[in-house]
Amino acid sequence: MATFVCVHGAFQGGWVWKRTAEALFSMGHRVYAPTLSGCGFHRHTMDKELGLGAYVRDLTQFFELEDLSDTFLVAHSYSGLICAGAMAELMERLAGTVYVEGIIPQPGKSFASLGGEPFRAMLESRLIDGWLVSPWEAGLFGVAGSPDADWFMARVAPFPLAAFTDPALGELVFPAKRHYLRCAQNPNPMLVAMAERAKSLGFAMHSIESGHCPQMTVPVELARVLATIVDKKNGEAKA
């Protein structure tokens, strides 16, 4: 049995992992899916003070209070920044990490810096009251046309601009067992490049036939990939 902590991306909440968690439970694994401050059922607590630093604290405190160890940390999309920011503090509690098209930071740079001018322009176009960003369209989440697209889009909510503009925290360190899962149906050039960066950093590379949110569109298949990755027969990624 493995223990997973699955961290949601921007605009979402722990609810997004529901079906993947159920599939992993049925395979005998233990799964936690924390919801970040101001997100999901905490959306009523959204505050101007929230940003990357607060989300890193959410994650480190979650591990501490749940007394977690020997855990696989699963980072999807934006939460790659959060997980990377918490990695050094959590290292002794981790068995490994799996980035599901997770963003790998560059020290001192923000997500907006990594995305470049087109991404910054998109953030500007979606600003609410100068500090919140409204969710992307279904196509950018990779759920357009899926049976659960309406269910998903009804649950996403605005996310703080600061989370995208705060610089990455701390040094870039990962556990020896580090894996990157590329969503083969996602043509986003930033995430194509992110997979290449993961490979250069020694991540073991994997692929799944889905758009950007496989936990929504192919949740059971994602669970199977995660279960295979943590199998004892899988070795460490190359350093």
C-alpha atoms as a PDB file:
ATOM      1  CA  MET A   1       0.000   0.000   0.000  1.00  0.00           C
ATOM      2  CA  ALA A   2       1.239   3.487  -0.875  1.00  0.00           C
ATOM      3  CA  THR A   3       0.178   6.847   0.534  1.00  0.00           C
ATOM      4  CA  PHE A   4      -0.530   9.681  -1.897  1.00  0.00           C
ATOM      5  CA  VAL A   5      -1.051  13.376  -1.224  1.00  0.00           C
ATOM      6  CA  CYS A   6      -2.630  14.839  -4.362  1.00  0.00           C
ATOM      7  CA  VAL A   7      -2.485  18.626  -4.643  1.00  0.00           C
ATOM      8  CA  HIS A   8      -4.934  20.471  -6.873  1.00  0.00           C
ATOM      9  CA  GLY A   9      -4.108  23.192  -9.364  1.00  0.00           C
ATOM     10  CA  ALA A  10      -5.306  26.794  -9.671  1.00  0.00           C
ATOM     11  CA  PHE A  11      -9.043  27.549  -9.383  1.00  0.00           C
ATOM     12  CA  GLN A  12      -9.854  24.044  -8.119  1.00  0.00           C
ATOM     13  CA  GLY A  13     -10.054  22.203  -4.791  1.00  0.00           C
ATOM     14  CA  GLY A  14      -9.490  18.766  -3.341  1.00  0.00           C
ATOM     15  CA  TRP A  15     -12.778  17.724  -4.986  1.00  0.00           C
ATOM     16  CA  VAL A  16     -10.995  17.414  -8.357  1.00  0.00           C
ATOM     17  CA  TRP A  17      -9.208  14.234  -7.153  1.00  0.00           C
ATOM     18  CA  LYS A  18     -12.402  12.472  -6.018  1.00  0.00           C
ATOM     19  CA  ARG A  19     -12.629   9.813  -8.736  1.00  0.00           C
ATOM     20  CA  THR A  20      -8.894   9.137  -8.944  1.00  0.00           C
ATOM     21  CA  ALA A  21      -8.811   8.796  -5.152  1.00  0.00           C
ATOM     22  CA  GLU A  22     -11.705   6.331  -5.237  1.00  0.00           C
ATOM     23  CA  ALA A  23      -9.871   4.228  -7.828  1.00  0.00           C
ATOM     24  CA  LEU A  24      -6.666   4.274  -5.787  1.00  0.00           C
ATOM     25  CA  PHE A  25      -8.624   3.321  -2.650  1.00  0.00           C
ATOM     26  CA  SER A  26     -10.011   0.305  -4.492  1.00  0.00           C
ATOM     27  CA  MET A  27      -6.426  -0.757  -5.262  1.00  0.00           C
ATOM     28  CA  GLY A  28      -5.531  -0.631  -1.583  1.00  0.00           C
ATOM     29  CA  HIS A  29      -3.787   2.725  -1.463  1.00  0.00           C
ATOM     30  CA  ARG A  30      -4.322   5.638   0.908  1.00  0.00           C
ATOM     31  CA  VAL A  31      -5.062   9.060  -0.597  1.00  0.00           C
ATOM     32  CA  TYR A  32      -5.251  12.581   0.806  1.00  0.00           C
ATOM     33  CA  ALA A  33      -6.460  15.513  -1.309  1.00  0.00           C
ATOM     34  CA  PRO A  34      -6.066  18.739   0.694  1.00  0.00           C
ATOM     35  CA  THR A  35      -7.910  21.894  -0.319  1.00  0.00           C
ATOM     36  CA  LEU A  36      -5.828  25.073  -0.321  1.00  0.00           C
ATOM     37  CA  SER A  37      -6.838  28.239   1.508  1.00  0.00           C
ATOM     38  CA  GLY A  38      -9.541  30.198  -0.310  1.00  0.00           C
ATOM     39  CA  CYS A  39     -10.243  27.290  -2.683  1.00  0.00           C
ATOM     40  CA  GLY A  40     -12.967  24.666  -2.956  1.00  0.00           C
ATOM     41  CA  PHE A  41     -15.101  24.580   0.185  1.00  0.00           C
ATOM     42  CA  HIS A  42     -12.783  27.254   1.631  1.00  0.00           C
ATOM     43  CA  ARG A  43     -13.643  29.722  -1.152  1.00  0.00           C
ATOM     44  CA  HIS A  44     -15.499  31.951   1.297  1.00  0.00           C
ATOM     45  CA  THR A  45     -12.116  32.613   2.980  1.00  0.00           C
ATOM     46  CA  MET A  46     -10.415  33.952  -0.169  1.00  0.00           C
ATOM     47  CA  ASP A  47      -8.276  36.903   0.860  1.00  0.00           C
ATOM     48  CA  LYS A  48      -5.883  39.409  -0.717  1.00  0.00           C
ATOM     49  CA  GLU A  49      -3.087  38.063   1.492  1.00  0.00           C
ATOM     50  CA  LEU A  50      -3.140  34.637  -0.175  1.00  0.00           C
ATOM     51  CA  GLY A  51      -0.401  33.710  -2.619  1.00  0.00           C
ATOM     52  CA  LEU A  52       2.313  31.154  -3.239  1.00  0.00           C
ATOM     53  CA  GLY A  53       3.843  31.468   0.245  1.00  0.00           C
ATOM     54  CA  ALA A  54       0.499  30.817   1.940  1.00  0.00           C
ATOM     55  CA  TYR A  55      -0.092  27.752  -0.204  1.00  0.00           C
ATOM     56  CA  VAL A  56       3.345  26.349   0.622  1.00  0.00           C
ATOM     57  CA  ARG A  57       2.472  26.775   4.308  1.00  0.00           C
ATOM     58  CA  ASP A  58      -0.868  25.027   3.736  1.00  0.00           C
ATOM     59  CA  LEU A  59       0.950  22.015   2.363  1.00  0.00           C
ATOM     60  CA  THR A  60       3.719  21.785   4.961  1.00  0.00           C
ATOM     61  CA  GLN A  61       1.225  22.160   7.801  1.00  0.00           C
ATOM     62  CA  PHE A  62      -1.032  19.539   6.260  1.00  0.00           C
ATOM     63  CA  PHE A  63       1.813  17.009   6.283  1.00  0.00           C
ATOM     64  CA  GLU A  64       2.717  17.923   9.853  1.00  0.00           C
ATOM     65  CA  LEU A  65      -0.782  17.793  11.298  1.00  0.00           C
ATOM     66  CA  GLU A  66      -1.701  14.580   9.460  1.00  0.00           C
ATOM     67  CA  ASP A  67       1.622  13.090  10.635  1.00  0.00           C
ATOM     68  CA  LEU A  68       2.425  11.853   7.125  1.00  0.00           C
ATOM     69  CA  SER A  69       5.547   9.955   6.119  1.00  0.00           C
ATOM     70  CA  ASP A  70       6.725   7.693   3.288  1.00  0.00           C
ATOM     71  CA  THR A  71       4.343   9.603   1.021  1.00  0.00           C
ATOM     72  CA  PHE A  72       4.167  10.200  -2.721  1.00  0.00           C
ATOM     73  CA  LEU A  73       3.449  13.864  -3.381  1.00  0.00           C
ATOM     74  CA  VAL A  74       1.380  14.336  -6.550  1.00  0.00           C
ATOM     75  CA  ALA A  75       1.478  17.833  -8.057  1.00  0.00           C
ATOM     76  CA  HIS A  76      -0.893  18.866 -10.836  1.00  0.00           C
ATOM     77  CA  SER A  77      -0.342  21.972 -12.962  1.00  0.00           C
ATOM     78  CA  TYR A  78       0.060  25.134 -10.804  1.00  0.00           C
ATOM     79  CA  SER A  79       0.596  23.079  -7.657  1.00  0.00           C
ATOM     80  CA  GLY A  80       3.990  22.047  -9.005  1.00  0.00           C
ATOM     81  CA  LEU A  81       5.146  25.464  -7.718  1.00  0.00           C
ATOM     82  CA  ILE A  82       3.631  24.810  -4.308  1.00  0.00           C
ATOM     83  CA  CYS A  83       5.087  21.336  -4.009  1.00  0.00           C
ATOM     84  CA  ALA A  84       8.524  22.505  -5.144  1.00  0.00           C
ATOM     85  CA  GLY A  85       8.397  25.326  -2.595  1.00  0.00           C
ATOM     86  CA  ALA A  86       7.619  22.841   0.186  1.00  0.00           C
ATOM     87  CA  MET A  87       9.907  20.050  -1.031  1.00  0.00           C
ATOM     88  CA  ALA A  88      12.984  20.771   1.076  1.00  0.00           C
ATOM     89  CA  GLU A  89      10.964  20.931   4.297  1.00  0.00           C
ATOM     90  CA  LEU A  90       8.971  17.809   3.408  1.00  0.00           C
ATOM     91  CA  MET A  91      11.848  15.730   2.042  1.00  0.00           C
ATOM     92  CA  GLU A  92      12.163  13.409   5.031  1.00  0.00           C
ATOM     93  CA  ARG A  93       8.446  12.644   4.793  1.00  0.00           C
ATOM     94  CA  LEU A  94       8.489  11.726   1.089  1.00  0.00           C
ATOM     95  CA  ALA A  95       8.906   8.442  -0.728  1.00  0.00           C
ATOM     96  CA  GLY A  96       8.813  10.292  -4.050  1.00  0.00           C
ATOM     97  CA  THR A  97       6.946  12.799  -6.178  1.00  0.00           C
ATOM     98  CA  VAL A  98       4.834  12.640  -9.336  1.00  0.00           C
ATOM     99  CA  TYR A  99       4.266  15.792 -11.372  1.00  0.00           C
ATOM    100  CA  VAL A 100       1.102  15.524 -13.485  1.00  0.00           C
ATOM    101  CA  GLU A 101       1.933  18.267 -15.979  1.00  0.00           C
ATOM    102  CA  GLY A 102       3.118  20.175 -12.932  1.00  0.00           C
ATOM    103  CA  ILE A 103       4.906  23.485 -13.261  1.00  0.00           C
ATOM    104  CA  ILE A 104       8.570  23.215 -12.289  1.00  0.00           C
ATOM    105  CA  PRO A 105       9.742  26.607 -11.040  1.00  0.00           C
ATOM    106  CA  GLN A 106      12.923  28.450 -11.740  1.00  0.00           C
ATOM    107  CA  PRO A 107      14.371  30.003  -8.570  1.00  0.00           C
ATOM    108  CA  GLY A 108      13.288  33.611  -8.147  1.00  0.00           C
ATOM    109  CA  LYS A 109      10.866  33.528 -11.098  1.00  0.00           C
ATOM    110  CA  SER A 110       7.083  33.580 -10.933  1.00  0.00           C
ATOM    111  CA  PHE A 111       4.620  31.495 -12.934  1.00  0.00           C
ATOM    112  CA  ALA A 112       3.826  34.664 -14.898  1.00  0.00           C
ATOM    113  CA  SER A 113       7.524  35.067 -15.743  1.00  0.00           C
ATOM    114  CA  LEU A 114       7.715  31.460 -16.940  1.00  0.00           C
ATOM    115  CA  GLY A 115       4.620  31.935 -19.101  1.00  0.00           C
ATOM    116  CA  GLY A 116       5.945  35.092 -20.742  1.00  0.00           C
ATOM    117  CA  GLU A 117       4.029  38.007 -22.209  1.00  0.00           C
ATOM    118  CA  PRO A 118       1.097  35.980 -23.670  1.00  0.00           C
ATOM    119  CA  PHE A 119       0.385  34.455 -20.253  1.00  0.00           C
ATOM    120  CA  ARG A 120       0.714  37.791 -18.470  1.00  0.00           C
ATOM    121  CA  ALA A 121      -1.724  39.292 -20.981  1.00  0.00           C
ATOM    122  CA  MET A 122      -4.188  36.482 -20.317  1.00  0.00           C
ATOM    123  CA  LEU A 123      -3.957  37.111 -16.571  1.00  0.00           C
ATOM    124  CA  GLU A 124      -4.590  40.816 -17.131  1.00  0.00           C
ATOM    125  CA  SER A 125      -7.643  40.069 -19.282  1.00  0.00           C
ATOM    126  CA  ARG A 126      -9.183  37.896 -16.561  1.00  0.00           C
ATOM    127  CA  LEU A 127      -8.605  40.180 -13.563  1.00  0.00           C
ATOM    128  CA  ILE A 128     -11.432  40.740 -11.071  1.00  0.00           C
ATOM    129  CA  ASP A 129     -11.119  43.762  -8.749  1.00  0.00           C
ATOM    130  CA  GLY A 130      -7.399  43.937  -9.514  1.00  0.00           C
ATOM    131  CA  TRP A 131      -6.377  40.896  -7.389  1.00  0.00           C
ATOM    132  CA  LEU A 132      -8.372  37.840  -8.471  1.00  0.00           C
ATOM    133  CA  VAL A 133      -8.126  35.886 -11.734  1.00  0.00           C
ATOM    134  CA  SER A 134     -11.235  34.240 -13.169  1.00  0.00           C
ATOM    135  CA  PRO A 135     -10.916  30.581 -14.257  1.00  0.00           C
ATOM    136  CA  TRP A 136      -9.790  29.645 -17.760  1.00  0.00           C
ATOM    137  CA  GLU A 137     -12.214  28.241 -20.314  1.00  0.00           C
ATOM    138  CA  ALA A 138     -12.890  24.489 -20.307  1.00  0.00           C
ATOM    139  CA  GLY A 139     -10.555  23.947 -23.259  1.00  0.00           C
ATOM    140  CA  LEU A 140      -7.474  25.152 -21.367  1.00  0.00           C
ATOM    141  CA  PHE A 141      -8.299  22.801 -18.509  1.00  0.00           C
ATOM    142  CA  GLY A 142      -8.547  19.981 -21.056  1.00  0.00           C
ATOM    143  CA  VAL A 143     -12.111  19.067 -20.085  1.00  0.00           C
ATOM    144  CA  ALA A 144     -14.072  20.567 -23.021  1.00  0.00           C
ATOM    145  CA  GLY A 145     -16.433  17.996 -24.493  1.00  0.00           C
ATOM    146  CA  SER A 146     -16.019  15.549 -21.623  1.00  0.00           C
ATOM    147  CA  PRO A 147     -19.140  14.212 -19.839  1.00  0.00           C
ATOM    148  CA  ASP A 148     -18.156  16.010 -16.633  1.00  0.00           C
ATOM    149  CA  ALA A 149     -17.174  19.357 -18.145  1.00  0.00           C
ATOM    150  CA  ASP A 150     -20.208  21.194 -16.756  1.00  0.00           C
ATOM    151  CA  TRP A 151     -19.693  19.605 -13.315  1.00  0.00           C
ATOM    152  CA  PHE A 152     -16.064  20.730 -13.331  1.00  0.00           C
ATOM    153  CA  MET A 153     -16.684  24.256 -14.597  1.00  0.00           C
ATOM    154  CA  ALA A 154     -19.440  24.808 -12.006  1.00  0.00           C
ATOM    155  CA  ARG A 155     -16.894  24.174  -9.241  1.00  0.00           C
ATOM    156  CA  VAL A 156     -13.841  26.173 -10.318  1.00  0.00           C
ATOM    157  CA  ALA A 157     -13.564  29.621  -8.761  1.00  0.00           C
ATOM    158  CA  PRO A 158     -11.338  32.738  -8.942  1.00  0.00           C
ATOM    159  CA  PHE A 159      -7.730  32.370  -7.780  1.00  0.00           C
ATOM    160  CA  PRO A 160      -5.425  35.108  -6.407  1.00  0.00           C
ATOM    161  CA  LEU A 161      -3.266  36.972  -8.911  1.00  0.00           C
ATOM    162  CA  ALA A 162      -0.421  36.930  -6.373  1.00  0.00           C
ATOM    163  CA  ALA A 163      -0.212  33.142  -6.708  1.00  0.00           C
ATOM    164  CA  PHE A 164       0.846  33.657 -10.318  1.00  0.00           C
ATOM    165  CA  THR A 165       3.128  36.656  -9.737  1.00  0.00           C
ATOM    166  CA  ASP A 166       4.919  35.676  -6.503  1.00  0.00           C
ATOM    167  CA  PRO A 167       8.482  34.458  -7.168  1.00  0.00           C
ATOM    168  CA  ALA A 168       9.328  30.804  -6.562  1.00  0.00           C
ATOM    169  CA  LEU A 169      10.495  29.998  -3.048  1.00  0.00           C
ATOM    170  CA  GLY A 170      13.674  28.260  -1.927  1.00  0.00           C
ATOM    171  CA  GLU A 171      16.135  26.045  -3.750  1.00  0.00           C
ATOM    172  CA  LEU A 172      15.024  23.522  -6.344  1.00  0.00           C
ATOM    173  CA  VAL A 173      15.313  20.042  -4.824  1.00  0.00           C
ATOM    174  CA  PHE A 174      13.430  16.828  -5.549  1.00  0.00           C
ATOM    175  CA  PRO A 175      13.500  13.319  -4.094  1.00  0.00           C
ATOM    176  CA  ALA A 176      15.414  10.590  -5.924  1.00  0.00           C
ATOM    177  CA  LYS A 177      12.129   9.008  -7.000  1.00  0.00           C
ATOM    178  CA  ARG A 178      10.720  11.754  -9.175  1.00  0.00           C
ATOM    179  CA  HIS A 179       8.353  11.199 -12.080  1.00  0.00           C
ATOM    180  CA  TYR A 180       6.720  13.441 -14.671  1.00  0.00           C
ATOM    181  CA  LEU A 181       3.451  12.563 -16.387  1.00  0.00           C
ATOM    182  CA  ARG A 182       2.824  14.275 -19.712  1.00  0.00           C
ATOM    183  CA  CYS A 183      -0.767  14.551 -20.966  1.00  0.00           C
ATOM    184  CA  ALA A 184      -0.367  13.537 -24.605  1.00  0.00           C
ATOM    185  CA  GLN A 185      -3.473  15.338 -25.888  1.00  0.00           C
ATOM    186  CA  ASN A 186      -2.426  18.726 -24.483  1.00  0.00           C
ATOM    187  CA  PRO A 187      -0.688  20.870 -27.150  1.00  0.00           C
ATOM    188  CA  ASN A 188       0.119  23.754 -24.767  1.00  0.00           C
ATOM    189  CA  PRO A 189       3.698  24.737 -25.725  1.00  0.00           C
ATOM    190  CA  MET A 190       4.577  25.799 -22.190  1.00  0.00           C
ATOM    191  CA  LEU A 191       3.721  22.346 -20.865  1.00  0.00           C
ATOM    192  CA  VAL A 192       5.472  20.610 -23.755  1.00  0.00           C
ATOM    193  CA  ALA A 193       8.579  22.584 -22.775  1.00  0.00           C
ATOM    194  CA  MET A 194       7.965  21.807 -19.095  1.00  0.00           C
ATOM    195  CA  ALA A 195       8.110  18.076 -19.821  1.00  0.00           C
ATOM    196  CA  GLU A 196      11.457  18.559 -21.559  1.00  0.00           C
ATOM    197  CA  ARG A 197      12.721  20.481 -18.542  1.00  0.00           C
ATOM    198  CA  ALA A 198      11.584  17.685 -16.231  1.00  0.00           C
ATOM    199  CA  LYS A 199      13.510  15.179 -18.348  1.00  0.00           C
ATOM    200  CA  SER A 200      16.647  17.317 -18.104  1.00  0.00           C
ATOM    201  CA  LEU A 201      16.240  17.385 -14.304  1.00  0.00           C
ATOM    202  CA  GLY A 202      16.247  13.614 -14.108  1.00  0.00           C
ATOM    203  CA  PHE A 203      12.525  12.920 -13.824  1.00  0.00           C
ATOM    204  CA  ALA A 204      11.383   9.513 -15.067  1.00  0.00           C
ATOM    205  CA  MET A 205       8.988  10.308 -17.919  1.00  0.00           C
ATOM    206  CA  HIS A 206       5.496   8.881 -18.454  1.00  0.00           C
ATOM    207  CA  SER A 207       2.541   9.682 -20.704  1.00  0.00           C
ATOM    208  CA  ILE A 208      -1.237   9.399 -20.527  1.00  0.00           C
ATOM    209  CA  GLU A 209      -3.797   9.874 -23.294  1.00  0.00           C
ATOM    210  CA  SER A 210      -5.720  12.854 -21.974  1.00  0.00           C
ATOM    211  CA  GLY A 211      -5.958  16.598 -21.875  1.00  0.00           C
ATOM    212  CA  HIS A 212      -4.528  18.671 -19.039  1.00  0.00           C
ATOM    213  CA  CYS A 213      -6.808  17.313 -16.268  1.00  0.00           C
ATOM    214  CA  PRO A 214      -6.662  13.500 -16.431  1.00  0.00           C
ATOM    215  CA  GLN A 215      -8.041  13.276 -12.893  1.00  0.00           C
ATOM    216  CA  MET A 216     -11.288  14.549 -14.440  1.00  0.00           C
ATOM    217  CA  THR A 217     -11.360  12.948 -17.884  1.00  0.00           C
ATOM    218  CA  VAL A 218      -9.589   9.608 -17.315  1.00  0.00           C
ATOM    219  CA  PRO A 219      -9.497   9.261 -13.508  1.00  0.00           C
ATOM    220  CA  VAL A 220      -9.214   5.473 -13.360  1.00  0.00           C
ATOM    221  CA  GLU A 221      -6.457   5.404 -15.977  1.00  0.00           C
ATOM    222  CA  LEU A 222      -4.578   8.056 -13.992  1.00  0.00           C
ATOM    223  CA  ALA A 223      -4.945   5.979 -10.831  1.00  0.00           C
ATOM    224  CA  ARG A 224      -3.484   2.988 -12.648  1.00  0.00           C
ATOM    225  CA  VAL A 225      -0.496   5.023 -13.821  1.00  0.00           C
ATOM    226  CA  LEU A 226       0.123   6.330 -10.298  1.00  0.00           C
ATOM    227  CA  ALA A 227      -0.158   2.826  -8.857  1.00  0.00           C
ATOM    228  CA  THR A 228       2.331   1.531 -11.419  1.00  0.00           C
ATOM    229  CA  ILE A 229       4.778   4.338 -10.675  1.00  0.00           C
ATOM    230  CA  VAL A 230       4.866   3.560  -6.946  1.00  0.00           C
ATOM    231  CA  ASP A 231       5.214  -0.181  -7.469  1.00  0.00           C
ATOM    232  CA  LYS A 232       8.268  -1.466  -5.631  1.00  0.00           C
ATOM    233  CA  LYS A 233       9.729  -2.709  -8.903  1.00  0.00           C
ATOM    234  CA  ASN A 234      10.064   0.848 -10.185  1.00  0.00           C
ATOM    235  CA  GLY A 235      13.533   2.233  -9.556  1.00  0.00           C
ATOM    236  CA  GLU A 236      14.667   5.739  -8.842  1.00  0.00           C
ATOM    237  CA  ALA A 237      14.779   8.395 -11.519  1.00  0.00           C
ATOM    238  CA  LYS A 238      18.212   9.221 -12.864  1.00  0.00           C
ATOM    239  CA  ALA A 239      19.882  12.018 -10.942  1.00  0.00           C
END
